[in-house]
Amino acid sequence: MAFRSVCPLADIAPESAIAVEVDGEDIAIVNSAGQIYAVIDECSHGAIPLSEGDVGNGEIECYMHGSRFDLKTGEPLGLPATEPVAVYPVKIENDEVLVDIENPLN
């Protein structure tokens, strides 16, 4: 796996998301329910950044049309989205968030 450091862990407040770029890919780094997740930063329903949406209970919601996604699986939990979003492996080392975008989990 090709993990890359994307941000300090302290940059992500609980129940929030930030946008980062990794090798030209826009990724949302999300802190929810005590876990750190990485998903593609684009709603599968429309080209809207998920990092600007609401976060809670292991889910992220697109602010434009309300589609919700499971942060573990990327699966949509509410319409209008019907397609999942990519989810990437994450690990924490020395208080840094590392993401592997070359090997999506879904």
PDB file of N, CA and C in Angstrom:
ATOM      1  N   MET A   1       0.842  -1.187   0.000  1.00  0.00           N
ATOM      2  CA  MET A   1       0.000   0.000   0.000  1.00  0.00           C
ATOM      3  C   MET A   1       0.878   1.239   0.000  1.00  0.00           C
ATOM      4  N   ALA A   2       0.368   2.273  -0.617  1.00  0.00           N
ATOM      5  CA  ALA A   2       1.120   3.511  -0.769  1.00  0.00           C
ATOM      6  C   ALA A   2       0.472   4.625   0.050  1.00  0.00           C
ATOM      7  N   PHE A   3       0.662   4.557   1.347  1.00  0.00           N
ATOM      8  CA  PHE A   3       0.079   5.583   2.212  1.00  0.00           C
ATOM      9  C   PHE A   3       0.851   6.888   2.081  1.00  0.00           C
ATOM     10  N   ARG A   4       0.094   7.985   2.059  1.00  0.00           N
ATOM     11  CA  ARG A   4       0.681   9.328   1.992  1.00  0.00           C
ATOM     12  C   ARG A   4       0.128  10.172   3.131  1.00  0.00           C
ATOM     13  N   SER A   5       0.991  10.964   3.727  1.00  0.00           N
ATOM     14  CA  SER A   5       0.551  11.884   4.767  1.00  0.00           C
ATOM     15  C   SER A   5      -0.274  12.992   4.121  1.00  0.00           C
ATOM     16  N   VAL A   6      -1.473  13.244   4.694  1.00  0.00           N
ATOM     17  CA  VAL A   6      -2.350  14.253   4.100  1.00  0.00           C
ATOM     18  C   VAL A   6      -2.624  15.439   5.015  1.00  0.00           C
ATOM     19  N   CYS A   7      -2.541  15.231   6.335  1.00  0.00           N
ATOM     20  CA  CYS A   7      -2.776  16.340   7.261  1.00  0.00           C
ATOM     21  C   CYS A   7      -2.501  15.888   8.686  1.00  0.00           C
ATOM     22  N   PRO A   8      -2.287  16.849   9.589  1.00  0.00           N
ATOM     23  CA  PRO A   8      -2.196  16.497  11.013  1.00  0.00           C
ATOM     24  C   PRO A   8      -3.569  16.074  11.532  1.00  0.00           C
ATOM     25  N   LEU A   9      -3.599  15.104  12.402  1.00  0.00           N
ATOM     26  CA  LEU A   9      -4.844  14.644  12.998  1.00  0.00           C
ATOM     27  C   LEU A   9      -5.589  15.798  13.672  1.00  0.00           C
ATOM     28  N   ALA A  10      -4.870  16.709  14.286  1.00  0.00           N
ATOM     29  CA  ALA A  10      -5.477  17.836  14.997  1.00  0.00           C
ATOM     30  C   ALA A  10      -6.253  18.781  14.083  1.00  0.00           C
ATOM     31  N   ASP A  11      -6.048  18.698  12.769  1.00  0.00           N
ATOM     32  CA  ASP A  11      -6.749  19.581  11.823  1.00  0.00           C
ATOM     33  C   ASP A  11      -8.209  19.195  11.614  1.00  0.00           C
ATOM     34  N   ILE A  12      -8.605  18.015  12.087  1.00  0.00           N
ATOM     35  CA  ILE A  12      -9.958  17.526  11.821  1.00  0.00           C
ATOM     36  C   ILE A  12     -10.738  17.457  13.126  1.00  0.00           C
ATOM     37  N   ALA A  13     -11.599  18.425  13.335  1.00  0.00           N
ATOM     38  CA  ALA A  13     -12.421  18.459  14.550  1.00  0.00           C
ATOM     39  C   ALA A  13     -13.420  17.307  14.531  1.00  0.00           C
ATOM     40  N   PRO A  14     -13.872  16.865  15.698  1.00  0.00           N
ATOM     41  CA  PRO A  14     -14.889  15.813  15.738  1.00  0.00           C
ATOM     42  C   PRO A  14     -16.130  16.203  14.939  1.00  0.00           C
ATOM     43  N   GLU A  15     -16.693  15.214  14.255  1.00  0.00           N
ATOM     44  CA  GLU A  15     -17.898  15.370  13.434  1.00  0.00           C
ATOM     45  C   GLU A  15     -17.744  16.487  12.392  1.00  0.00           C
ATOM     46  N   SER A  16     -16.599  16.457  11.712  1.00  0.00           N
ATOM     47  CA  SER A  16     -16.346  17.421  10.642  1.00  0.00           C
ATOM     48  C   SER A  16     -15.499  16.767   9.557  1.00  0.00           C
ATOM     49  N   ALA A  17     -15.321  17.514   8.464  1.00  0.00           N
ATOM     50  CA  ALA A  17     -14.519  17.040   7.336  1.00  0.00           C
ATOM     51  C   ALA A  17     -13.674  18.182   6.803  1.00  0.00           C
ATOM     52  N   ILE A  18     -12.536  17.829   6.221  1.00  0.00           N
ATOM     53  CA  ILE A  18     -11.708  18.804   5.530  1.00  0.00           C
ATOM     54  C   ILE A  18     -11.363  18.242   4.152  1.00  0.00           C
ATOM     55  N   ALA A  19     -11.076  19.133   3.228  1.00  0.00           N
ATOM     56  CA  ALA A  19     -10.686  18.738   1.878  1.00  0.00           C
ATOM     57  C   ALA A  19      -9.167  18.729   1.781  1.00  0.00           C
ATOM     58  N   VAL A  20      -8.629  17.693   1.141  1.00  0.00           N
ATOM     59  CA  VAL A  20      -7.196  17.610   0.844  1.00  0.00           C
ATOM     60  C   VAL A  20      -7.053  17.123  -0.595  1.00  0.00           C
ATOM     61  N   GLU A  21      -5.872  17.338  -1.136  1.00  0.00           N
ATOM     62  CA  GLU A  21      -5.580  16.812  -2.465  1.00  0.00           C
ATOM     63  C   GLU A  21      -4.435  15.826  -2.356  1.00  0.00           C
ATOM     64  N   VAL A  22      -4.628  14.645  -2.950  1.00  0.00           N
ATOM     65  CA  VAL A  22      -3.610  13.605  -2.934  1.00  0.00           C
ATOM     66  C   VAL A  22      -3.401  13.150  -4.376  1.00  0.00           C
ATOM     67  N   ASP A  23      -2.229  13.393  -4.903  1.00  0.00           N
ATOM     68  CA  ASP A  23      -1.913  12.989  -6.281  1.00  0.00           C
ATOM     69  C   ASP A  23      -2.984  13.432  -7.270  1.00  0.00           C
ATOM     70  N   GLY A  24      -3.460  14.657  -7.125  1.00  0.00           N
ATOM     71  CA  GLY A  24      -4.443  15.206  -8.040  1.00  0.00           C
ATOM     72  C   GLY A  24      -5.878  14.813  -7.752  1.00  0.00           C
ATOM     73  N   GLU A  25      -6.114  13.991  -6.738  1.00  0.00           N
ATOM     74  CA  GLU A  25      -7.470  13.576  -6.356  1.00  0.00           C
ATOM     75  C   GLU A  25      -7.946  14.403  -5.166  1.00  0.00           C
ATOM     76  N   ASP A  26      -9.171  14.904  -5.246  1.00  0.00           N
ATOM     77  CA  ASP A  26      -9.777  15.606  -4.122  1.00  0.00           C
ATOM     78  C   ASP A  26     -10.379  14.576  -3.171  1.00  0.00           C
ATOM     79  N   ILE A  27      -9.912  14.600  -1.929  1.00  0.00           N
ATOM     80  CA  ILE A  27     -10.312  13.639  -0.910  1.00  0.00           C
ATOM     81  C   ILE A  27     -10.876  14.394   0.292  1.00  0.00           C
ATOM     82  N   ALA A  28     -11.960  13.868   0.856  1.00  0.00           N
ATOM     83  CA  ALA A  28     -12.504  14.396   2.106  1.00  0.00           C
ATOM     84  C   ALA A  28     -11.982  13.529   3.241  1.00  0.00           C
ATOM     85  N   ILE A  29     -11.323  14.164   4.208  1.00  0.00           N
ATOM     86  CA  ILE A  29     -10.876  13.483   5.419  1.00  0.00           C
ATOM     87  C   ILE A  29     -11.910  13.809   6.486  1.00  0.00           C
ATOM     88  N   VAL A  30     -12.502  12.772   7.070  1.00  0.00           N
ATOM     89  CA  VAL A  30     -13.660  12.946   7.930  1.00  0.00           C
ATOM     90  C   VAL A  30     -13.393  12.346   9.305  1.00  0.00           C
ATOM     91  N   ASN A  31     -13.778  13.087  10.337  1.00  0.00           N
ATOM     92  CA  ASN A  31     -13.700  12.622  11.717  1.00  0.00           C
ATOM     93  C   ASN A  31     -15.128  12.436  12.200  1.00  0.00           C
ATOM     94  N   SER A  32     -15.546  11.181  12.382  1.00  0.00           N
ATOM     95  CA  SER A  32     -16.908  10.922  12.843  1.00  0.00           C
ATOM     96  C   SER A  32     -16.943   9.705  13.757  1.00  0.00           C
ATOM     97  N   ALA A  33     -17.701   9.826  14.806  1.00  0.00           N
ATOM     98  CA  ALA A  33     -17.896   8.737  15.771  1.00  0.00           C
ATOM     99  C   ALA A  33     -16.562   8.175  16.260  1.00  0.00           C
ATOM    100  N   GLY A  34     -15.572   9.058  16.419  1.00  0.00           N
ATOM    101  CA  GLY A  34     -14.270   8.663  16.948  1.00  0.00           C
ATOM    102  C   GLY A  34     -13.354   7.994  15.947  1.00  0.00           C
ATOM    103  N   GLN A  35     -13.724   7.963  14.669  1.00  0.00           N
ATOM    104  CA  GLN A  35     -12.916   7.338  13.628  1.00  0.00           C
ATOM    105  C   GLN A  35     -12.559   8.368  12.552  1.00  0.00           C
ATOM    106  N   ILE A  36     -11.454   8.114  11.857  1.00  0.00           N
ATOM    107  CA  ILE A  36     -11.044   8.946  10.738  1.00  0.00           C
ATOM    108  C   ILE A  36     -11.292   8.160   9.454  1.00  0.00           C
ATOM    109  N   TYR A  37     -11.910   8.799   8.491  1.00  0.00           N
ATOM    110  CA  TYR A  37     -12.251   8.183   7.212  1.00  0.00           C
ATOM    111  C   TYR A  37     -11.708   9.052   6.077  1.00  0.00           C
ATOM    112  N   ALA A  38     -11.562   8.419   4.907  1.00  0.00           N
ATOM    113  CA  ALA A  38     -11.198   9.150   3.688  1.00  0.00           C
ATOM    114  C   ALA A  38     -12.127   8.688   2.574  1.00  0.00           C
ATOM    115  N   VAL A  39     -12.810   9.641   1.949  1.00  0.00           N
ATOM    116  CA  VAL A  39     -13.702   9.352   0.826  1.00  0.00           C
ATOM    117  C   VAL A  39     -13.414  10.351  -0.286  1.00  0.00           C
ATOM    118  N   ILE A  40     -13.775   9.972  -1.507  1.00  0.00           N
ATOM    119  CA  ILE A  40     -13.634  10.908  -2.613  1.00  0.00           C
ATOM    120  C   ILE A  40     -14.471  12.141  -2.270  1.00  0.00           C
ATOM    121  N   ASP A  41     -13.950  13.314  -2.554  1.00  0.00           N
ATOM    122  CA  ASP A  41     -14.631  14.550  -2.160  1.00  0.00           C
ATOM    123  C   ASP A  41     -15.589  15.020  -3.251  1.00  0.00           C
ATOM    124  N   GLU A  42     -16.468  14.108  -3.664  1.00  0.00           N
ATOM    125  CA  GLU A  42     -17.467  14.469  -4.669  1.00  0.00           C
ATOM    126  C   GLU A  42     -18.678  13.562  -4.516  1.00  0.00           C
ATOM    127  N   CYS A  43     -19.831  14.159  -4.327  1.00  0.00           N
ATOM    128  CA  CYS A  43     -21.077  13.404  -4.247  1.00  0.00           C
ATOM    129  C   CYS A  43     -21.287  12.651  -5.557  1.00  0.00           C
ATOM    130  N   SER A  44     -21.733  11.409  -5.473  1.00  0.00           N
ATOM    131  CA  SER A  44     -21.952  10.613  -6.683  1.00  0.00           C
ATOM    132  C   SER A  44     -23.208  11.049  -7.443  1.00  0.00           C
ATOM    133  N   HIS A  45     -24.028  11.872  -6.841  1.00  0.00           N
ATOM    134  CA  HIS A  45     -25.227  12.393  -7.506  1.00  0.00           C
ATOM    135  C   HIS A  45     -24.912  13.635  -8.326  1.00  0.00           C
ATOM    136  N   GLY A  46     -24.034  14.479  -7.807  1.00  0.00           N
ATOM    137  CA  GLY A  46     -23.638  15.710  -8.483  1.00  0.00           C
ATOM    138  C   GLY A  46     -22.236  16.069  -8.053  1.00  0.00           C
ATOM    139  N   ALA A  47     -21.600  16.889  -8.814  1.00  0.00           N
ATOM    140  CA  ALA A  47     -20.200  17.250  -8.549  1.00  0.00           C
ATOM    141  C   ALA A  47     -20.113  18.276  -7.415  1.00  0.00           C
ATOM    142  N   ILE A  48     -20.560  17.873  -6.234  1.00  0.00           N
ATOM    143  CA  ILE A  48     -20.583  18.739  -5.052  1.00  0.00           C
ATOM    144  C   ILE A  48     -19.586  18.186  -4.038  1.00  0.00           C
ATOM    145  N   PRO A  49     -18.721  19.041  -3.470  1.00  0.00           N
ATOM    146  CA  PRO A  49     -17.751  18.560  -2.484  1.00  0.00           C
ATOM    147  C   PRO A  49     -18.429  18.042  -1.209  1.00  0.00           C
ATOM    148  N   LEU A  50     -18.201  16.783  -0.898  1.00  0.00           N
ATOM    149  CA  LEU A  50     -18.753  16.227   0.337  1.00  0.00           C
ATOM    150  C   LEU A  50     -18.129  16.854   1.575  1.00  0.00           C
ATOM    151  N   SER A  51     -16.898  17.330   1.466  1.00  0.00           N
ATOM    152  CA  SER A  51     -16.211  17.923   2.620  1.00  0.00           C
ATOM    153  C   SER A  51     -16.930  19.163   3.144  1.00  0.00           C
ATOM    154  N   GLU A  52     -17.854  19.710   2.361  1.00  0.00           N
ATOM    155  CA  GLU A  52     -18.612  20.887   2.795  1.00  0.00           C
ATOM    156  C   GLU A  52     -19.953  20.509   3.411  1.00  0.00           C
ATOM    157  N   GLY A  53     -20.215  19.194   3.515  1.00  0.00           N
ATOM    158  CA  GLY A  53     -21.491  18.728   4.050  1.00  0.00           C
ATOM    159  C   GLY A  53     -21.455  18.470   5.544  1.00  0.00           C
ATOM    160  N   ASP A  54     -22.583  18.007   6.048  1.00  0.00           N
ATOM    161  CA  ASP A  54     -22.717  17.686   7.471  1.00  0.00           C
ATOM    162  C   ASP A  54     -22.187  16.287   7.747  1.00  0.00           C
ATOM    163  N   VAL A  55     -21.607  16.118   8.945  1.00  0.00           N
ATOM    164  CA  VAL A  55     -21.031  14.852   9.366  1.00  0.00           C
ATOM    165  C   VAL A  55     -21.665  14.450  10.689  1.00  0.00           C
ATOM    166  N   GLY A  56     -21.967  13.164  10.835  1.00  0.00           N
ATOM    167  CA  GLY A  56     -22.485  12.668  12.098  1.00  0.00           C
ATOM    168  C   GLY A  56     -22.791  11.187  12.037  1.00  0.00           C
ATOM    169  N   ASN A  57     -22.549  10.485  13.131  1.00  0.00           N
ATOM    170  CA  ASN A  57     -22.896   9.065  13.264  1.00  0.00           C
ATOM    171  C   ASN A  57     -22.324   8.197  12.150  1.00  0.00           C
ATOM    172  N   GLY A  58     -21.094   8.479  11.725  1.00  0.00           N
ATOM    173  CA  GLY A  58     -20.464   7.654  10.707  1.00  0.00           C
ATOM    174  C   GLY A  58     -20.990   7.894   9.308  1.00  0.00           C
ATOM    175  N   GLU A  59     -21.614   9.060   9.090  1.00  0.00           N
ATOM    176  CA  GLU A  59     -22.176   9.408   7.793  1.00  0.00           C
ATOM    177  C   GLU A  59     -21.752  10.819   7.401  1.00  0.00           C
ATOM    178  N   ILE A  60     -21.800  11.075   6.080  1.00  0.00           N
ATOM    179  CA  ILE A  60     -21.593  12.419   5.574  1.00  0.00           C
ATOM    180  C   ILE A  60     -22.731  12.728   4.622  1.00  0.00           C
ATOM    181  N   GLU A  61     -23.226  13.965   4.675  1.00  0.00           N
ATOM    182  CA  GLU A  61     -24.372  14.374   3.877  1.00  0.00           C
ATOM    183  C   GLU A  61     -23.977  15.491   2.921  1.00  0.00           C
ATOM    184  N   CYS A  62     -24.335  15.328   1.673  1.00  0.00           N
ATOM    185  CA  CYS A  62     -24.095  16.364   0.670  1.00  0.00           C
ATOM    186  C   CYS A  62     -25.004  17.551   0.977  1.00  0.00           C
ATOM    187  N   TYR A  63     -24.440  18.731   1.031  1.00  0.00           N
ATOM    188  CA  TYR A  63     -25.225  19.907   1.405  1.00  0.00           C
ATOM    189  C   TYR A  63     -26.200  20.346   0.315  1.00  0.00           C
ATOM    190  N   MET A  64     -25.979  19.961  -0.934  1.00  0.00           N
ATOM    191  CA  MET A  64     -26.819  20.454  -2.026  1.00  0.00           C
ATOM    192  C   MET A  64     -28.179  19.752  -2.100  1.00  0.00           C
ATOM    193  N   HIS A  65     -28.171  18.419  -2.132  1.00  0.00           N
ATOM    194  CA  HIS A  65     -29.429  17.694  -2.316  1.00  0.00           C
ATOM    195  C   HIS A  65     -29.745  16.724  -1.186  1.00  0.00           C
ATOM    196  N   GLY A  66     -28.865  16.628  -0.198  1.00  0.00           N
ATOM    197  CA  GLY A  66     -29.162  15.815   0.985  1.00  0.00           C
ATOM    198  C   GLY A  66     -28.806  14.348   0.903  1.00  0.00           C
ATOM    199  N   SER A  67     -28.104  13.919  -0.141  1.00  0.00           N
ATOM    200  CA  SER A  67     -27.677  12.519  -0.202  1.00  0.00           C
ATOM    201  C   SER A  67     -26.732  12.248   0.959  1.00  0.00           C
ATOM    202  N   ARG A  68     -26.917  11.094   1.622  1.00  0.00           N
ATOM    203  CA  ARG A  68     -26.061  10.698   2.731  1.00  0.00           C
ATOM    204  C   ARG A  68     -25.284   9.451   2.329  1.00  0.00           C
ATOM    205  N   PHE A  69     -24.058   9.334   2.853  1.00  0.00           N
ATOM    206  CA  PHE A  69     -23.188   8.205   2.541  1.00  0.00           C
ATOM    207  C   PHE A  69     -22.600   7.621   3.817  1.00  0.00           C
ATOM    208  N   ASP A  70     -22.518   6.288   3.863  1.00  0.00           N
ATOM    209  CA  ASP A  70     -21.864   5.582   4.956  1.00  0.00           C
ATOM    210  C   ASP A  70     -20.356   5.767   4.779  1.00  0.00           C
ATOM    211  N   LEU A  71     -19.679   6.257   5.797  1.00  0.00           N
ATOM    212  CA  LEU A  71     -18.244   6.535   5.683  1.00  0.00           C
ATOM    213  C   LEU A  71     -17.390   5.269   5.656  1.00  0.00           C
ATOM    214  N   LYS A  72     -17.890   4.149   6.149  1.00  0.00           N
ATOM    215  CA  LYS A  72     -17.133   2.895   6.118  1.00  0.00           C
ATOM    216  C   LYS A  72     -17.197   2.233   4.745  1.00  0.00           C
ATOM    217  N   THR A  73     -18.362   2.295   4.108  1.00  0.00           N
ATOM    218  CA  THR A  73     -18.573   1.557   2.860  1.00  0.00           C
ATOM    219  C   THR A  73     -18.702   2.442   1.632  1.00  0.00           C
ATOM    220  N   GLY A  74     -19.043   3.716   1.831  1.00  0.00           N
ATOM    221  CA  GLY A  74     -19.299   4.617   0.711  1.00  0.00           C
ATOM    222  C   GLY A  74     -20.694   4.492   0.144  1.00  0.00           C
ATOM    223  N   GLU A  75     -21.482   3.543   0.663  1.00  0.00           N
ATOM    224  CA  GLU A  75     -22.818   3.306   0.133  1.00  0.00           C
ATOM    225  C   GLU A  75     -23.747   4.486   0.425  1.00  0.00           C
ATOM    226  N   PRO A  76     -24.614   4.827  -0.551  1.00  0.00           N
ATOM    227  CA  PRO A  76     -25.587   5.884  -0.307  1.00  0.00           C
ATOM    228  C   PRO A  76     -26.645   5.418   0.686  1.00  0.00           C
ATOM    229  N   LEU A  77     -27.038   6.303   1.585  1.00  0.00           N
ATOM    230  CA  LEU A  77     -28.035   5.988   2.601  1.00  0.00           C
ATOM    231  C   LEU A  77     -29.327   6.762   2.384  1.00  0.00           C
ATOM    232  N   GLY A  78     -29.335   7.613   1.373  1.00  0.00           N
ATOM    233  CA  GLY A  78     -30.523   8.401   1.085  1.00  0.00           C
ATOM    234  C   GLY A  78     -30.451   8.979  -0.312  1.00  0.00           C
ATOM    235  N   LEU A  79     -31.614   9.050  -0.933  1.00  0.00           N
ATOM    236  CA  LEU A  79     -31.707   9.634  -2.272  1.00  0.00           C
ATOM    237  C   LEU A  79     -31.400  11.127  -2.213  1.00  0.00           C
ATOM    238  N   PRO A  80     -30.986  11.713  -3.319  1.00  0.00           N
ATOM    239  CA  PRO A  80     -31.088  11.195  -4.676  1.00  0.00           C
ATOM    240  C   PRO A  80     -29.900  10.339  -5.129  1.00  0.00           C
ATOM    241  N   ALA A  81     -28.836  10.233  -4.369  1.00  0.00           N
ATOM    242  CA  ALA A  81     -27.687   9.422  -4.797  1.00  0.00           C
ATOM    243  C   ALA A  81     -28.061   7.943  -4.794  1.00  0.00           C
ATOM    244  N   THR A  82     -27.601   7.223  -5.807  1.00  0.00           N
ATOM    245  CA  THR A  82     -27.826   5.781  -5.886  1.00  0.00           C
ATOM    246  C   THR A  82     -26.508   5.025  -6.063  1.00  0.00           C
ATOM    247  N   GLU A  83     -25.433   5.740  -6.319  1.00  0.00           N
ATOM    248  CA  GLU A  83     -24.118   5.131  -6.506  1.00  0.00           C
ATOM    249  C   GLU A  83     -23.233   5.431  -5.299  1.00  0.00           C
ATOM    250  N   PRO A  84     -22.380   4.492  -4.895  1.00  0.00           N
ATOM    251  CA  PRO A  84     -21.474   4.746  -3.764  1.00  0.00           C
ATOM    252  C   PRO A  84     -20.358   5.713  -4.137  1.00  0.00           C
ATOM    253  N   VAL A  85     -19.688   6.227  -3.123  1.00  0.00           N
ATOM    254  CA  VAL A  85     -18.481   7.030  -3.316  1.00  0.00           C
ATOM    255  C   VAL A  85     -17.288   6.182  -2.887  1.00  0.00           C
ATOM    256  N   ALA A  86     -16.139   6.448  -3.475  1.00  0.00           N
ATOM    257  CA  ALA A  86     -14.928   5.696  -3.145  1.00  0.00           C
ATOM    258  C   ALA A  86     -14.493   5.977  -1.709  1.00  0.00           C
ATOM    259  N   VAL A  87     -14.079   4.911  -1.024  1.00  0.00           N
ATOM    260  CA  VAL A  87     -13.560   4.980   0.346  1.00  0.00           C
ATOM    261  C   VAL A  87     -12.127   4.456   0.309  1.00  0.00           C
ATOM    262  N   TYR A  88     -11.234   5.116   1.018  1.00  0.00           N
ATOM    263  CA  TYR A  88      -9.814   4.773   0.983  1.00  0.00           C
ATOM    264  C   TYR A  88      -9.301   4.358   2.355  1.00  0.00           C
ATOM    265  N   PRO A  89      -8.292   3.487   2.381  1.00  0.00           N
ATOM    266  CA  PRO A  89      -7.678   3.096   3.658  1.00  0.00           C
ATOM    267  C   PRO A  89      -7.017   4.297   4.342  1.00  0.00           C
ATOM    268  N   VAL A  90      -7.145   4.332   5.652  1.00  0.00           N
ATOM    269  CA  VAL A  90      -6.573   5.399   6.477  1.00  0.00           C
ATOM    270  C   VAL A  90      -5.803   4.770   7.622  1.00  0.00           C
ATOM    271  N   LYS A  91      -4.692   5.382   7.978  1.00  0.00           N
ATOM    272  CA  LYS A  91      -4.012   5.021   9.221  1.00  0.00           C
ATOM    273  C   LYS A  91      -3.445   6.290   9.838  1.00  0.00           C
ATOM    274  N   ILE A  92      -3.207   6.223  11.133  1.00  0.00           N
ATOM    275  CA  ILE A  92      -2.672   7.350  11.889  1.00  0.00           C
ATOM    276  C   ILE A  92      -1.292   6.954  12.389  1.00  0.00           C
ATOM    277  N   GLU A  93      -0.307   7.784  12.091  1.00  0.00           N
ATOM    278  CA  GLU A  93       1.054   7.581  12.591  1.00  0.00           C
ATOM    279  C   GLU A  93       1.614   8.914  13.056  1.00  0.00           C
ATOM    280  N   ASN A  94       2.117   8.942  14.273  1.00  0.00           N
ATOM    281  CA  ASN A  94       2.722  10.151  14.833  1.00  0.00           C
ATOM    282  C   ASN A  94       1.808  11.363  14.686  1.00  0.00           C
ATOM    283  N   ASP A  95       0.508  11.160  14.979  1.00  0.00           N
ATOM    284  CA  ASP A  95      -0.499  12.220  14.912  1.00  0.00           C
ATOM    285  C   ASP A  95      -0.668  12.811  13.519  1.00  0.00           C
ATOM    286  N   GLU A  96      -0.323  12.037  12.484  1.00  0.00           N
ATOM    287  CA  GLU A  96      -0.544  12.413  11.085  1.00  0.00           C
ATOM    288  C   GLU A  96      -1.550  11.444  10.477  1.00  0.00           C
ATOM    289  N   VAL A  97      -2.429  11.964   9.620  1.00  0.00           N
ATOM    290  CA  VAL A  97      -3.379  11.124   8.893  1.00  0.00           C
ATOM    291  C   VAL A  97      -2.725  10.717   7.578  1.00  0.00           C
ATOM    292  N   LEU A  98      -2.692   9.409   7.319  1.00  0.00           N
ATOM    293  CA  LEU A  98      -2.131   8.870   6.084  1.00  0.00           C
ATOM    294  C   LEU A  98      -3.246   8.155   5.315  1.00  0.00           C
ATOM    295  N   VAL A  99      -3.253   8.335   3.986  1.00  0.00           N
ATOM    296  CA  VAL A  99      -4.291   7.764   3.135  1.00  0.00           C
ATOM    297  C   VAL A  99      -3.621   7.059   1.952  1.00  0.00           C
ATOM    298  N   ASP A 100      -4.219   5.922   1.562  1.00  0.00           N
ATOM    299  CA  ASP A 100      -3.771   5.185   0.381  1.00  0.00           C
ATOM    300  C   ASP A 100      -4.840   5.298  -0.686  1.00  0.00           C
ATOM    301  N   ILE A 101      -4.684   6.208  -1.658  1.00  0.00           N
ATOM    302  CA  ILE A 101      -5.704   6.364  -2.694  1.00  0.00           C
ATOM    303  C   ILE A 101      -5.531   5.373  -3.835  1.00  0.00           C
ATOM    304  N   GLU A 102      -4.434   4.640  -3.839  1.00  0.00           N
ATOM    305  CA  GLU A 102      -4.201   3.672  -4.917  1.00  0.00           C
ATOM    306  C   GLU A 102      -4.968   2.371  -4.719  1.00  0.00           C
ATOM    307  N   ASN A 103      -5.450   2.139  -3.515  1.00  0.00           N
ATOM    308  CA  ASN A 103      -6.137   0.886  -3.195  1.00  0.00           C
ATOM    309  C   ASN A 103      -7.462   1.139  -2.478  1.00  0.00           C
ATOM    310  N   PRO A 104      -8.484   1.636  -3.205  1.00  0.00           N
ATOM    311  CA  PRO A 104      -9.772   1.907  -2.564  1.00  0.00           C
ATOM    312  C   PRO A 104     -10.329   0.659  -1.887  1.00  0.00           C
ATOM    313  N   LEU A 105     -11.112   0.874  -0.841  1.00  0.00           N
ATOM    314  CA  LEU A 105     -11.708  -0.223  -0.097  1.00  0.00           C
ATOM    315  C   LEU A 105     -12.968  -0.756  -0.772  1.00  0.00           C
ATOM    316  N   ASN A 106     -13.512  -0.005  -1.718  1.00  0.00           N
ATOM    317  CA  ASN A 106     -14.750  -0.450  -2.380  1.00  0.00           C
ATOM    318  C   ASN A 106     -14.631  -0.337  -3.887  1.00  0.00           C
TER     319      ASN A 106
END
